[in-house]
Amino acid sequence: MKTLFKIFVLLVAFLSFQCSGSNDEVITQPMLDAKKAEIINYINSFDCLGSCNYIAFGSKPCGGPKEYLPFPSSVNLTQLQQMVAEYNEMDHQYNIQTNAISDCAVVLPPTTVECVNGDCVVVY
């Protein structure tokens, strides 16, 4: 009986220390789409008055960003970085949850981002 009790206590202790993952929420494609739209709308709410920049966006299953988003320098950079970090983490979790695969190609950052007709665009 004492042995059975010890095994029970050890089992309960073992299960209580199991990692449940950093995020138990199931991420869906519509959730990612909505978050991306929120970020794009935020960026588009600012006019580019000359200078533009870019930020790594998304999370490829093999690592690295899926793309780079151009944005005007007039945005609140701290807020944009926070929004993108949240999206990137959601995308990473989605990749894990769906066992996503990709081509593992490295997406290079843009060499030139310019203000064209009031919008920041990548120039190839």
PDB file of N, CA and C in Angstrom:
ATOM      1  N   MET A   1       0.824  -1.193   0.000  1.00  0.00           N
ATOM      2  CA  MET A   1       0.000   0.000   0.000  1.00  0.00           C
ATOM      3  C   MET A   1       0.866   1.254   0.000  1.00  0.00           C
ATOM      4  N   LYS A   2       1.968   1.260   0.826  1.00  0.00           N
ATOM      5  CA  LYS A   2       2.856   2.412   0.854  1.00  0.00           C
ATOM      6  C   LYS A   2       3.505   2.626  -0.511  1.00  0.00           C
ATOM      7  N   THR A   3       3.857   1.538  -1.175  1.00  0.00           N
ATOM      8  CA  THR A   3       4.484   1.650  -2.487  1.00  0.00           C
ATOM      9  C   THR A   3       3.509   2.254  -3.489  1.00  0.00           C
ATOM     10  N   LEU A   4       2.286   1.826  -3.465  1.00  0.00           N
ATOM     11  CA  LEU A   4       1.262   2.371  -4.354  1.00  0.00           C
ATOM     12  C   LEU A   4       1.057   3.861  -4.091  1.00  0.00           C
ATOM     13  N   PHE A   5       1.053   4.264  -2.832  1.00  0.00           N
ATOM     14  CA  PHE A   5       0.913   5.668  -2.473  1.00  0.00           C
ATOM     15  C   PHE A   5       2.096   6.478  -2.997  1.00  0.00           C
ATOM     16  N   LYS A   6       3.331   5.958  -2.842  1.00  0.00           N
ATOM     17  CA  LYS A   6       4.529   6.656  -3.329  1.00  0.00           C
ATOM     18  C   LYS A   6       4.484   6.816  -4.844  1.00  0.00           C
ATOM     19  N   ILE A   7       4.065   5.765  -5.535  1.00  0.00           N
ATOM     20  CA  ILE A   7       3.959   5.850  -6.991  1.00  0.00           C
ATOM     21  C   ILE A   7       2.929   6.907  -7.379  1.00  0.00           C
ATOM     22  N   PHE A   8       1.813   6.931  -6.684  1.00  0.00           N
ATOM     23  CA  PHE A   8       0.785   7.930  -6.958  1.00  0.00           C
ATOM     24  C   PHE A   8       1.321   9.343  -6.752  1.00  0.00           C
ATOM     25  N   VAL A   9       2.029   9.582  -5.654  1.00  0.00           N
ATOM     26  CA  VAL A   9       2.591  10.902  -5.366  1.00  0.00           C
ATOM     27  C   VAL A   9       3.613  11.285  -6.429  1.00  0.00           C
ATOM     28  N   LEU A  10       4.460  10.367  -6.817  1.00  0.00           N
ATOM     29  CA  LEU A  10       5.452  10.642  -7.854  1.00  0.00           C
ATOM     30  C   LEU A  10       4.784  10.948  -9.197  1.00  0.00           C
ATOM     31  N   LEU A  11       3.745  10.204  -9.507  1.00  0.00           N
ATOM     32  CA  LEU A  11       3.020  10.436 -10.747  1.00  0.00           C
ATOM     33  C   LEU A  11       2.381  11.822 -10.763  1.00  0.00           C
ATOM     34  N   VAL A  12       1.746  12.184  -9.676  1.00  0.00           N
ATOM     35  CA  VAL A  12       1.129  13.515  -9.581  1.00  0.00           C
ATOM     36  C   VAL A  12       2.199  14.606  -9.687  1.00  0.00           C
ATOM     37  N   ALA A  13       3.319  14.418  -9.000  1.00  0.00           N
ATOM     38  CA  ALA A  13       4.412  15.394  -9.060  1.00  0.00           C
ATOM     39  C   ALA A  13       4.954  15.495 -10.478  1.00  0.00           C
ATOM     40  N   PHE A  14       5.150  14.378 -11.132  1.00  0.00           N
ATOM     41  CA  PHE A  14       5.672  14.356 -12.490  1.00  0.00           C
ATOM     42  C   PHE A  14       4.725  15.088 -13.444  1.00  0.00           C
ATOM     43  N   LEU A  15       3.457  14.800 -13.362  1.00  0.00           N
ATOM     44  CA  LEU A  15       2.487  15.433 -14.252  1.00  0.00           C
ATOM     45  C   LEU A  15       2.336  16.925 -13.992  1.00  0.00           C
ATOM     46  N   SER A  16       2.522  17.346 -12.767  1.00  0.00           N
ATOM     47  CA  SER A  16       2.374  18.773 -12.465  1.00  0.00           C
ATOM     48  C   SER A  16       3.527  19.600 -13.012  1.00  0.00           C
ATOM     49  N   PHE A  17       4.664  18.964 -13.312  1.00  0.00           N
ATOM     50  CA  PHE A  17       5.819  19.691 -13.832  1.00  0.00           C
ATOM     51  C   PHE A  17       5.971  19.542 -15.338  1.00  0.00           C
ATOM     52  N   GLN A  18       5.010  18.950 -15.996  1.00  0.00           N
ATOM     53  CA  GLN A  18       5.070  18.797 -17.444  1.00  0.00           C
ATOM     54  C   GLN A  18       4.900  20.158 -18.094  1.00  0.00           C
ATOM     55  N   CYS A  19       5.663  20.381 -19.166  1.00  0.00           N
ATOM     56  CA  CYS A  19       5.527  21.622 -19.923  1.00  0.00           C
ATOM     57  C   CYS A  19       4.280  21.522 -20.781  1.00  0.00           C
ATOM     58  N   SER A  20       3.487  22.526 -20.746  1.00  0.00           N
ATOM     59  CA  SER A  20       2.284  22.538 -21.568  1.00  0.00           C
ATOM     60  C   SER A  20       2.489  23.389 -22.809  1.00  0.00           C
ATOM     61  N   GLY A  21       3.694  23.879 -23.053  1.00  0.00           N
ATOM     62  CA  GLY A  21       3.954  24.739 -24.200  1.00  0.00           C
ATOM     63  C   GLY A  21       3.773  26.186 -23.807  1.00  0.00           C
ATOM     64  N   SER A  22       4.346  27.068 -24.629  1.00  0.00           N
ATOM     65  CA  SER A  22       4.284  28.490 -24.311  1.00  0.00           C
ATOM     66  C   SER A  22       2.938  29.096 -24.657  1.00  0.00           C
ATOM     67  N   ASN A  23       2.190  28.406 -25.535  1.00  0.00           N
ATOM     68  CA  ASN A  23       0.920  28.970 -25.939  1.00  0.00           C
ATOM     69  C   ASN A  23      -0.040  27.830 -26.224  1.00  0.00           C
ATOM     70  N   ASP A  24      -1.088  27.683 -25.397  1.00  0.00           N
ATOM     71  CA  ASP A  24      -2.043  26.603 -25.567  1.00  0.00           C
ATOM     72  C   ASP A  24      -3.141  26.969 -26.563  1.00  0.00           C
ATOM     73  N   GLU A  25      -3.204  28.226 -26.983  1.00  0.00           N
ATOM     74  CA  GLU A  25      -4.232  28.670 -27.909  1.00  0.00           C
ATOM     75  C   GLU A  25      -3.956  28.125 -29.302  1.00  0.00           C
ATOM     76  N   VAL A  26      -4.980  27.606 -29.937  1.00  0.00           N
ATOM     77  CA  VAL A  26      -4.853  27.128 -31.306  1.00  0.00           C
ATOM     78  C   VAL A  26      -4.911  28.334 -32.231  1.00  0.00           C
ATOM     79  N   ILE A  27      -3.878  28.476 -33.053  1.00  0.00           N
ATOM     80  CA  ILE A  27      -3.810  29.576 -34.010  1.00  0.00           C
ATOM     81  C   ILE A  27      -4.400  29.088 -35.324  1.00  0.00           C
ATOM     82  N   THR A  28      -5.255  29.905 -35.930  1.00  0.00           N
ATOM     83  CA  THR A  28      -5.873  29.543 -37.204  1.00  0.00           C
ATOM     84  C   THR A  28      -5.445  30.522 -38.289  1.00  0.00           C
ATOM     85  N   GLN A  29      -5.601  30.116 -39.547  1.00  0.00           N
ATOM     86  CA  GLN A  29      -5.264  31.004 -40.653  1.00  0.00           C
ATOM     87  C   GLN A  29      -6.088  32.288 -40.623  1.00  0.00           C
ATOM     88  N   PRO A  30      -7.393  32.224 -40.326  1.00  0.00           N
ATOM     89  CA  PRO A  30      -8.147  33.484 -40.228  1.00  0.00           C
ATOM     90  C   PRO A  30      -7.610  34.423 -39.131  1.00  0.00           C
ATOM     91  N   MET A  31      -7.106  33.864 -38.038  1.00  0.00           N
ATOM     92  CA  MET A  31      -6.511  34.695 -36.988  1.00  0.00           C
ATOM     93  C   MET A  31      -5.263  35.397 -37.523  1.00  0.00           C
ATOM     94  N   LEU A  32      -4.430  34.660 -38.266  1.00  0.00           N
ATOM     95  CA  LEU A  32      -3.227  35.260 -38.863  1.00  0.00           C
ATOM     96  C   LEU A  32      -3.612  36.331 -39.877  1.00  0.00           C
ATOM     97  N   ASP A  33      -4.605  36.032 -40.705  1.00  0.00           N
ATOM     98  CA  ASP A  33      -5.053  37.000 -41.713  1.00  0.00           C
ATOM     99  C   ASP A  33      -5.555  38.289 -41.065  1.00  0.00           C
ATOM    100  N   ALA A  34      -6.304  38.159 -39.977  1.00  0.00           N
ATOM    101  CA  ALA A  34      -6.844  39.335 -39.279  1.00  0.00           C
ATOM    102  C   ALA A  34      -5.719  40.159 -38.660  1.00  0.00           C
ATOM    103  N   LYS A  35      -4.742  39.488 -38.068  1.00  0.00           N
ATOM    104  CA  LYS A  35      -3.611  40.201 -37.457  1.00  0.00           C
ATOM    105  C   LYS A  35      -2.783  40.906 -38.534  1.00  0.00           C
ATOM    106  N   LYS A  36      -2.569  40.236 -39.673  1.00  0.00           N
ATOM    107  CA  LYS A  36      -1.823  40.865 -40.766  1.00  0.00           C
ATOM    108  C   LYS A  36      -2.577  42.088 -41.280  1.00  0.00           C
ATOM    109  N   ALA A  37      -3.888  41.968 -41.443  1.00  0.00           N
ATOM    110  CA  ALA A  37      -4.691  43.098 -41.908  1.00  0.00           C
ATOM    111  C   ALA A  37      -4.595  44.271 -40.931  1.00  0.00           C
ATOM    112  N   GLU A  38      -4.598  43.961 -39.640  1.00  0.00           N
ATOM    113  CA  GLU A  38      -4.452  45.008 -38.623  1.00  0.00           C
ATOM    114  C   GLU A  38      -3.118  45.747 -38.794  1.00  0.00           C
ATOM    115  N   ILE A  39      -2.062  45.005 -39.042  1.00  0.00           N
ATOM    116  CA  ILE A  39      -0.738  45.608 -39.207  1.00  0.00           C
ATOM    117  C   ILE A  39      -0.668  46.431 -40.487  1.00  0.00           C
ATOM    118  N   ILE A  40      -1.180  45.879 -41.577  1.00  0.00           N
ATOM    119  CA  ILE A  40      -1.186  46.607 -42.853  1.00  0.00           C
ATOM    120  C   ILE A  40      -2.011  47.886 -42.732  1.00  0.00           C
ATOM    121  N   ASN A  41      -3.170  47.809 -42.089  1.00  0.00           N
ATOM    122  CA  ASN A  41      -4.003  49.006 -41.892  1.00  0.00           C
ATOM    123  C   ASN A  41      -3.274  50.038 -41.047  1.00  0.00           C
ATOM    124  N   TYR A  42      -2.550  49.584 -40.024  1.00  0.00           N
ATOM    125  CA  TYR A  42      -1.780  50.503 -39.192  1.00  0.00           C
ATOM    126  C   TYR A  42      -0.715  51.208 -40.034  1.00  0.00           C
ATOM    127  N   ILE A  43       0.026  50.444 -40.812  1.00  0.00           N
ATOM    128  CA  ILE A  43       1.070  51.032 -41.665  1.00  0.00           C
ATOM    129  C   ILE A  43       0.448  52.011 -42.654  1.00  0.00           C
ATOM    130  N   ASN A  44      -0.668  51.610 -43.261  1.00  0.00           N
ATOM    131  CA  ASN A  44      -1.305  52.458 -44.279  1.00  0.00           C
ATOM    132  C   ASN A  44      -1.956  53.709 -43.700  1.00  0.00           C
ATOM    133  N   SER A  45      -2.080  53.784 -42.386  1.00  0.00           N
ATOM    134  CA  SER A  45      -2.666  54.984 -41.786  1.00  0.00           C
ATOM    135  C   SER A  45      -1.661  56.133 -41.720  1.00  0.00           C
ATOM    136  N   PHE A  46      -0.421  55.881 -42.108  1.00  0.00           N
ATOM    137  CA  PHE A  46       0.627  56.900 -42.120  1.00  0.00           C
ATOM    138  C   PHE A  46       1.032  57.186 -43.554  1.00  0.00           C
ATOM    139  N   ASP A  47       1.249  58.472 -43.834  1.00  0.00           N
ATOM    140  CA  ASP A  47       1.761  58.856 -45.148  1.00  0.00           C
ATOM    141  C   ASP A  47       3.276  58.820 -45.113  1.00  0.00           C
ATOM    142  N   CYS A  48       3.837  58.390 -46.218  1.00  0.00           N
ATOM    143  CA  CYS A  48       5.294  58.485 -46.281  1.00  0.00           C
ATOM    144  C   CYS A  48       5.629  59.877 -46.810  1.00  0.00           C
ATOM    145  N   LEU A  49       6.438  60.537 -46.079  1.00  0.00           N
ATOM    146  CA  LEU A  49       6.822  61.897 -46.449  1.00  0.00           C
ATOM    147  C   LEU A  49       8.277  61.917 -46.889  1.00  0.00           C
ATOM    148  N   GLY A  50       8.687  60.857 -47.516  1.00  0.00           N
ATOM    149  CA  GLY A  50      10.058  60.807 -48.014  1.00  0.00           C
ATOM    150  C   GLY A  50      10.790  59.536 -47.650  1.00  0.00           C
ATOM    151  N   SER A  51      10.951  59.284 -46.345  1.00  0.00           N
ATOM    152  CA  SER A  51      11.770  58.126 -45.987  1.00  0.00           C
ATOM    153  C   SER A  51      10.925  56.928 -45.596  1.00  0.00           C
ATOM    154  N   CYS A  52      11.418  55.773 -46.010  1.00  0.00           N
ATOM    155  CA  CYS A  52      10.747  54.505 -45.731  1.00  0.00           C
ATOM    156  C   CYS A  52      11.763  53.521 -45.178  1.00  0.00           C
ATOM    157  N   ASN A  53      11.247  52.488 -44.566  1.00  0.00           N
ATOM    158  CA  ASN A  53      12.083  51.421 -44.030  1.00  0.00           C
ATOM    159  C   ASN A  53      11.325  50.112 -44.233  1.00  0.00           C
ATOM    160  N   TYR A  54      11.834  49.030 -43.671  1.00  0.00           N
ATOM    161  CA  TYR A  54      11.169  47.737 -43.786  1.00  0.00           C
ATOM    162  C   TYR A  54      11.381  46.952 -42.509  1.00  0.00           C
ATOM    163  N   ILE A  55      10.519  45.933 -42.326  1.00  0.00           N
ATOM    164  CA  ILE A  55      10.597  45.090 -41.145  1.00  0.00           C
ATOM    165  C   ILE A  55      10.345  43.645 -41.572  1.00  0.00           C
ATOM    166  N   ALA A  56      11.115  42.716 -40.983  1.00  0.00           N
ATOM    167  CA  ALA A  56      10.933  41.295 -41.253  1.00  0.00           C
ATOM    168  C   ALA A  56       9.558  40.872 -40.757  1.00  0.00           C
ATOM    169  N   PHE A  57       8.859  40.079 -41.574  1.00  0.00           N
ATOM    170  CA  PHE A  57       7.475  39.747 -41.266  1.00  0.00           C
ATOM    171  C   PHE A  57       7.194  38.273 -41.541  1.00  0.00           C
ATOM    172  N   GLY A  58       6.539  37.621 -40.594  1.00  0.00           N
ATOM    173  CA  GLY A  58       6.190  36.219 -40.745  1.00  0.00           C
ATOM    174  C   GLY A  58       7.312  35.315 -40.261  1.00  0.00           C
ATOM    175  N   SER A  59       6.996  34.042 -40.212  1.00  0.00           N
ATOM    176  CA  SER A  59       7.941  33.050 -39.716  1.00  0.00           C
ATOM    177  C   SER A  59       7.886  31.816 -40.608  1.00  0.00           C
ATOM    178  N   LYS A  60       8.956  31.582 -41.357  1.00  0.00           N
ATOM    179  CA  LYS A  60       9.004  30.378 -42.187  1.00  0.00           C
ATOM    180  C   LYS A  60       9.255  29.168 -41.292  1.00  0.00           C
ATOM    181  N   PRO A  61       8.712  28.022 -41.632  1.00  0.00           N
ATOM    182  CA  PRO A  61       8.933  26.826 -40.819  1.00  0.00           C
ATOM    183  C   PRO A  61      10.412  26.476 -40.627  1.00  0.00           C
ATOM    184  N   CYS A  62      11.223  26.778 -41.622  1.00  0.00           N
ATOM    185  CA  CYS A  62      12.659  26.487 -41.512  1.00  0.00           C
ATOM    186  C   CYS A  62      13.413  27.590 -40.768  1.00  0.00           C
ATOM    187  N   GLY A  63      12.734  28.680 -40.481  1.00  0.00           N
ATOM    188  CA  GLY A  63      13.357  29.822 -39.815  1.00  0.00           C
ATOM    189  C   GLY A  63      13.459  31.005 -40.762  1.00  0.00           C
ATOM    190  N   GLY A  64      13.555  32.161 -40.192  1.00  0.00           N
ATOM    191  CA  GLY A  64      13.652  33.381 -40.983  1.00  0.00           C
ATOM    192  C   GLY A  64      12.286  33.930 -41.348  1.00  0.00           C
ATOM    193  N   PRO A  65      12.266  35.157 -41.865  1.00  0.00           N
ATOM    194  CA  PRO A  65      10.999  35.794 -42.216  1.00  0.00           C
ATOM    195  C   PRO A  65      10.437  35.280 -43.536  1.00  0.00           C
ATOM    196  N   LYS A  66       9.113  35.383 -43.673  1.00  0.00           N
ATOM    197  CA  LYS A  66       8.458  35.033 -44.933  1.00  0.00           C
ATOM    198  C   LYS A  66       8.574  36.158 -45.948  1.00  0.00           C
ATOM    199  N   GLU A  67       8.604  37.391 -45.425  1.00  0.00           N
ATOM    200  CA  GLU A  67       8.647  38.563 -46.292  1.00  0.00           C
ATOM    201  C   GLU A  67       9.116  39.768 -45.483  1.00  0.00           C
ATOM    202  N   TYR A  68       9.236  40.891 -46.158  1.00  0.00           N
ATOM    203  CA  TYR A  68       9.571  42.151 -45.500  1.00  0.00           C
ATOM    204  C   TYR A  68       8.495  43.169 -45.842  1.00  0.00           C
ATOM    205  N   LEU A  69       7.994  43.849 -44.815  1.00  0.00           N
ATOM    206  CA  LEU A  69       6.965  44.866 -45.016  1.00  0.00           C
ATOM    207  C   LEU A  69       7.604  46.245 -45.057  1.00  0.00           C
ATOM    208  N   PRO A  70       7.352  47.004 -46.109  1.00  0.00           N
ATOM    209  CA  PRO A  70       7.826  48.391 -46.134  1.00  0.00           C
ATOM    210  C   PRO A  70       6.885  49.265 -45.309  1.00  0.00           C
ATOM    211  N   PHE A  71       7.450  50.283 -44.675  1.00  0.00           N
ATOM    212  CA  PHE A  71       6.631  51.199 -43.882  1.00  0.00           C
ATOM    213  C   PHE A  71       7.275  52.574 -43.850  1.00  0.00           C
ATOM    214  N   PRO A  72       6.443  53.622 -43.690  1.00  0.00           N
ATOM    215  CA  PRO A  72       6.984  54.978 -43.615  1.00  0.00           C
ATOM    216  C   PRO A  72       7.648  55.218 -42.254  1.00  0.00           C
ATOM    217  N   SER A  73       8.649  56.058 -42.251  1.00  0.00           N
ATOM    218  CA  SER A  73       9.371  56.339 -41.005  1.00  0.00           C
ATOM    219  C   SER A  73       8.519  57.105 -40.002  1.00  0.00           C
ATOM    220  N   SER A  74       7.353  57.565 -40.422  1.00  0.00           N
ATOM    221  CA  SER A  74       6.478  58.312 -39.513  1.00  0.00           C
ATOM    222  C   SER A  74       5.676  57.405 -38.569  1.00  0.00           C
ATOM    223  N   VAL A  75       5.719  56.079 -38.750  1.00  0.00           N
ATOM    224  CA  VAL A  75       4.981  55.190 -37.845  1.00  0.00           C
ATOM    225  C   VAL A  75       5.636  55.199 -36.466  1.00  0.00           C
ATOM    226  N   ASN A  76       4.884  54.810 -35.477  1.00  0.00           N
ATOM    227  CA  ASN A  76       5.436  54.598 -34.144  1.00  0.00           C
ATOM    228  C   ASN A  76       6.162  53.252 -34.210  1.00  0.00           C
ATOM    229  N   LEU A  77       7.486  53.305 -34.319  1.00  0.00           N
ATOM    230  CA  LEU A  77       8.276  52.100 -34.542  1.00  0.00           C
ATOM    231  C   LEU A  77       8.115  51.084 -33.419  1.00  0.00           C
ATOM    232  N   THR A  78       8.040  51.541 -32.183  1.00  0.00           N
ATOM    233  CA  THR A  78       7.875  50.629 -31.054  1.00  0.00           C
ATOM    234  C   THR A  78       6.561  49.860 -31.169  1.00  0.00           C
ATOM    235  N   GLN A  79       5.484  50.557 -31.514  1.00  0.00           N
ATOM    236  CA  GLN A  79       4.185  49.904 -31.657  1.00  0.00           C
ATOM    237  C   GLN A  79       4.208  48.917 -32.819  1.00  0.00           C
ATOM    238  N   LEU A  80       4.787  49.315 -33.952  1.00  0.00           N
ATOM    239  CA  LEU A  80       4.863  48.425 -35.106  1.00  0.00           C
ATOM    240  C   LEU A  80       5.680  47.179 -34.780  1.00  0.00           C
ATOM    241  N   GLN A  81       6.812  47.357 -34.114  1.00  0.00           N
ATOM    242  CA  GLN A  81       7.644  46.209 -33.749  1.00  0.00           C
ATOM    243  C   GLN A  81       6.895  45.247 -32.829  1.00  0.00           C
ATOM    244  N   GLN A  82       6.120  45.781 -31.902  1.00  0.00           N
ATOM    245  CA  GLN A  82       5.336  44.943 -30.997  1.00  0.00           C
ATOM    246  C   GLN A  82       4.268  44.167 -31.759  1.00  0.00           C
ATOM    247  N   MET A  83       3.564  44.849 -32.650  1.00  0.00           N
ATOM    248  CA  MET A  83       2.528  44.195 -33.444  1.00  0.00           C
ATOM    249  C   MET A  83       3.115  43.088 -34.312  1.00  0.00           C
ATOM    250  N   VAL A  84       4.239  43.369 -34.943  1.00  0.00           N
ATOM    251  CA  VAL A  84       4.877  42.387 -35.817  1.00  0.00           C
ATOM    252  C   VAL A  84       5.435  41.227 -34.999  1.00  0.00           C
ATOM    253  N   ALA A  85       5.994  41.505 -33.832  1.00  0.00           N
ATOM    254  CA  ALA A  85       6.501  40.428 -32.973  1.00  0.00           C
ATOM    255  C   ALA A  85       5.363  39.487 -32.573  1.00  0.00           C
ATOM    256  N   GLU A  86       4.195  40.043 -32.265  1.00  0.00           N
ATOM    257  CA  GLU A  86       3.030  39.218 -31.924  1.00  0.00           C
ATOM    258  C   GLU A  86       2.617  38.355 -33.114  1.00  0.00           C
ATOM    259  N   TYR A  87       2.577  38.964 -34.296  1.00  0.00           N
ATOM    260  CA  TYR A  87       2.225  38.208 -35.499  1.00  0.00           C
ATOM    261  C   TYR A  87       3.249  37.105 -35.758  1.00  0.00           C
ATOM    262  N   ASN A  88       4.522  37.446 -35.671  1.00  0.00           N
ATOM    263  CA  ASN A  88       5.573  36.465 -35.942  1.00  0.00           C
ATOM    264  C   ASN A  88       5.486  35.282 -34.985  1.00  0.00           C
ATOM    265  N   GLU A  89       5.174  35.532 -33.724  1.00  0.00           N
ATOM    266  CA  GLU A  89       5.034  34.450 -32.752  1.00  0.00           C
ATOM    267  C   GLU A  89       3.792  33.604 -33.074  1.00  0.00           C
ATOM    268  N   MET A  90       2.710  34.257 -33.456  1.00  0.00           N
ATOM    269  CA  MET A  90       1.504  33.524 -33.853  1.00  0.00           C
ATOM    270  C   MET A  90       1.808  32.632 -35.061  1.00  0.00           C
ATOM    271  N   ASP A  91       2.520  33.186 -36.040  1.00  0.00           N
ATOM    272  CA  ASP A  91       2.860  32.443 -37.247  1.00  0.00           C
ATOM    273  C   ASP A  91       3.757  31.254 -36.905  1.00  0.00           C
ATOM    274  N   HIS A  92       4.709  31.469 -36.004  1.00  0.00           N
ATOM    275  CA  HIS A  92       5.591  30.389 -35.550  1.00  0.00           C
ATOM    276  C   HIS A  92       4.783  29.277 -34.888  1.00  0.00           C
ATOM    277  N   GLN A  93       3.872  29.645 -33.995  1.00  0.00           N
ATOM    278  CA  GLN A  93       3.027  28.657 -33.327  1.00  0.00           C
ATOM    279  C   GLN A  93       2.142  27.918 -34.335  1.00  0.00           C
ATOM    280  N   TYR A  94       1.619  28.644 -35.318  1.00  0.00           N
ATOM    281  CA  TYR A  94       0.800  28.027 -36.363  1.00  0.00           C
ATOM    282  C   TYR A  94       1.614  26.982 -37.128  1.00  0.00           C
ATOM    283  N   ASN A  95       2.859  27.320 -37.454  1.00  0.00           N
ATOM    284  CA  ASN A  95       3.733  26.383 -38.157  1.00  0.00           C
ATOM    285  C   ASN A  95       3.932  25.107 -37.349  1.00  0.00           C
ATOM    286  N   ILE A  96       4.120  25.248 -36.049  1.00  0.00           N
ATOM    287  CA  ILE A  96       4.309  24.089 -35.170  1.00  0.00           C
ATOM    288  C   ILE A  96       3.026  23.267 -35.104  1.00  0.00           C
ATOM    289  N   GLN A  97       1.899  23.948 -34.901  1.00  0.00           N
ATOM    290  CA  GLN A  97       0.618  23.257 -34.750  1.00  0.00           C
ATOM    291  C   GLN A  97       0.205  22.507 -36.010  1.00  0.00           C
ATOM    292  N   THR A  98       0.583  23.017 -37.171  1.00  0.00           N
ATOM    293  CA  THR A  98       0.158  22.408 -38.433  1.00  0.00           C
ATOM    294  C   THR A  98       1.254  21.557 -39.067  1.00  0.00           C
ATOM    295  N   ASN A  99       2.385  21.434 -38.380  1.00  0.00           N
ATOM    296  CA  ASN A  99       3.528  20.705 -38.947  1.00  0.00           C
ATOM    297  C   ASN A  99       3.870  21.234 -40.336  1.00  0.00           C
ATOM    298  N   ALA A 100       3.879  22.553 -40.456  1.00  0.00           N
ATOM    299  CA  ALA A 100       4.106  23.205 -41.741  1.00  0.00           C
ATOM    300  C   ALA A 100       5.509  22.921 -42.256  1.00  0.00           C
ATOM    301  N   ILE A 101       5.632  22.888 -43.570  1.00  0.00           N
ATOM    302  CA  ILE A 101       6.923  22.754 -44.220  1.00  0.00           C
ATOM    303  C   ILE A 101       7.065  23.903 -45.209  1.00  0.00           C
ATOM    304  N   SER A 102       8.289  24.183 -45.607  1.00  0.00           N
ATOM    305  CA  SER A 102       8.491  25.229 -46.602  1.00  0.00           C
ATOM    306  C   SER A 102       9.696  24.869 -47.445  1.00  0.00           C
ATOM    307  N   ASP A 103       9.993  25.730 -48.394  1.00  0.00           N
ATOM    308  CA  ASP A 103      11.121  25.497 -49.282  1.00  0.00           C
ATOM    309  C   ASP A 103      12.465  25.826 -48.627  1.00  0.00           C
ATOM    310  N   CYS A 104      12.437  26.436 -47.464  1.00  0.00           N
ATOM    311  CA  CYS A 104      13.639  26.807 -46.703  1.00  0.00           C
ATOM    312  C   CYS A 104      14.526  27.812 -47.435  1.00  0.00           C
ATOM    313  N   ALA A 105      14.002  28.432 -48.467  1.00  0.00           N
ATOM    314  CA  ALA A 105      14.755  29.466 -49.170  1.00  0.00           C
ATOM    315  C   ALA A 105      14.862  30.699 -48.275  1.00  0.00           C
ATOM    316  N   VAL A 106      16.009  31.339 -48.312  1.00  0.00           N
ATOM    317  CA  VAL A 106      16.222  32.547 -47.529  1.00  0.00           C
ATOM    318  C   VAL A 106      15.611  33.725 -48.276  1.00  0.00           C
ATOM    319  N   VAL A 107      14.744  34.452 -47.592  1.00  0.00           N
ATOM    320  CA  VAL A 107      14.135  35.653 -48.165  1.00  0.00           C
ATOM    321  C   VAL A 107      15.028  36.827 -47.784  1.00  0.00           C
ATOM    322  N   LEU A 108      15.647  37.412 -48.797  1.00  0.00           N
ATOM    323  CA  LEU A 108      16.575  38.517 -48.543  1.00  0.00           C
ATOM    324  C   LEU A 108      15.822  39.823 -48.314  1.00  0.00           C
ATOM    325  N   PRO A 109      16.375  40.675 -47.459  1.00  0.00           N
ATOM    326  CA  PRO A 109      15.731  41.983 -47.244  1.00  0.00           C
ATOM    327  C   PRO A 109      15.848  42.830 -48.503  1.00  0.00           C
ATOM    328  N   PRO A 110      14.932  43.767 -48.657  1.00  0.00           N
ATOM    329  CA  PRO A 110      14.986  44.625 -49.843  1.00  0.00           C
ATOM    330  C   PRO A 110      16.229  45.514 -49.822  1.00  0.00           C
ATOM    331  N   THR A 111      16.700  45.830 -51.002  1.00  0.00           N
ATOM    332  CA  THR A 111      17.849  46.741 -51.089  1.00  0.00           C
ATOM    333  C   THR A 111      17.394  48.193 -51.137  1.00  0.00           C
ATOM    334  N   THR A 112      16.187  48.415 -51.692  1.00  0.00           N
ATOM    335  CA  THR A 112      15.675  49.780 -51.794  1.00  0.00           C
ATOM    336  C   THR A 112      14.189  49.819 -51.475  1.00  0.00           C
ATOM    337  N   VAL A 113      13.829  50.720 -50.572  1.00  0.00           N
ATOM    338  CA  VAL A 113      12.422  50.979 -50.263  1.00  0.00           C
ATOM    339  C   VAL A 113      12.217  52.479 -50.438  1.00  0.00           C
ATOM    340  N   GLU A 114      11.268  52.840 -51.296  1.00  0.00           N
ATOM    341  CA  GLU A 114      11.046  54.246 -51.617  1.00  0.00           C
ATOM    342  C   GLU A 114       9.587  54.638 -51.425  1.00  0.00           C
ATOM    343  N   CYS A 115       9.382  55.922 -51.277  1.00  0.00           N
ATOM    344  CA  CYS A 115       8.042  56.488 -51.199  1.00  0.00           C
ATOM    345  C   CYS A 115       7.574  56.781 -52.627  1.00  0.00           C
ATOM    346  N   VAL A 116       6.518  56.076 -53.061  1.00  0.00           N
ATOM    347  CA  VAL A 116       5.976  56.257 -54.405  1.00  0.00           C
ATOM    348  C   VAL A 116       4.476  56.531 -54.268  1.00  0.00           C
ATOM    349  N   ASN A 117       4.065  57.704 -54.708  1.00  0.00           N
ATOM    350  CA  ASN A 117       2.653  58.110 -54.639  1.00  0.00           C
ATOM    351  C   ASN A 117       2.085  57.984 -53.227  1.00  0.00           C
ATOM    352  N   GLY A 118       2.865  58.323 -52.219  1.00  0.00           N
ATOM    353  CA  GLY A 118       2.407  58.323 -50.842  1.00  0.00           C
ATOM    354  C   GLY A 118       2.503  57.004 -50.117  1.00  0.00           C
ATOM    355  N   ASP A 119       2.981  55.953 -50.814  1.00  0.00           N
ATOM    356  CA  ASP A 119       3.122  54.640 -50.194  1.00  0.00           C
ATOM    357  C   ASP A 119       4.571  54.173 -50.267  1.00  0.00           C
ATOM    358  N   CYS A 120       4.996  53.482 -49.232  1.00  0.00           N
ATOM    359  CA  CYS A 120       6.336  52.890 -49.253  1.00  0.00           C
ATOM    360  C   CYS A 120       6.276  51.585 -50.029  1.00  0.00           C
ATOM    361  N   VAL A 121       7.151  51.448 -51.005  1.00  0.00           N
ATOM    362  CA  VAL A 121       7.179  50.246 -51.841  1.00  0.00           C
ATOM    363  C   VAL A 121       8.618  49.765 -51.982  1.00  0.00           C
ATOM    364  N   VAL A 122       8.747  48.452 -52.149  1.00  0.00           N
ATOM    365  CA  VAL A 122      10.052  47.857 -52.420  1.00  0.00           C
ATOM    366  C   VAL A 122      10.334  48.044 -53.902  1.00  0.00           C
ATOM    367  N   VAL A 123      11.501  48.578 -54.218  1.00  0.00           N
ATOM    368  CA  VAL A 123      11.902  48.799 -55.601  1.00  0.00           C
ATOM    369  C   VAL A 123      12.922  47.729 -55.968  1.00  0.00           C
ATOM    370  N   TYR A 124      12.614  46.988 -57.021  1.00  0.00           N
ATOM    371  CA  TYR A 124      13.516  45.921 -57.476  1.00  0.00           C
ATOM    372  C   TYR A 124      14.379  46.372 -58.608  1.00  0.00           C
TER     373      TYR A 124
END
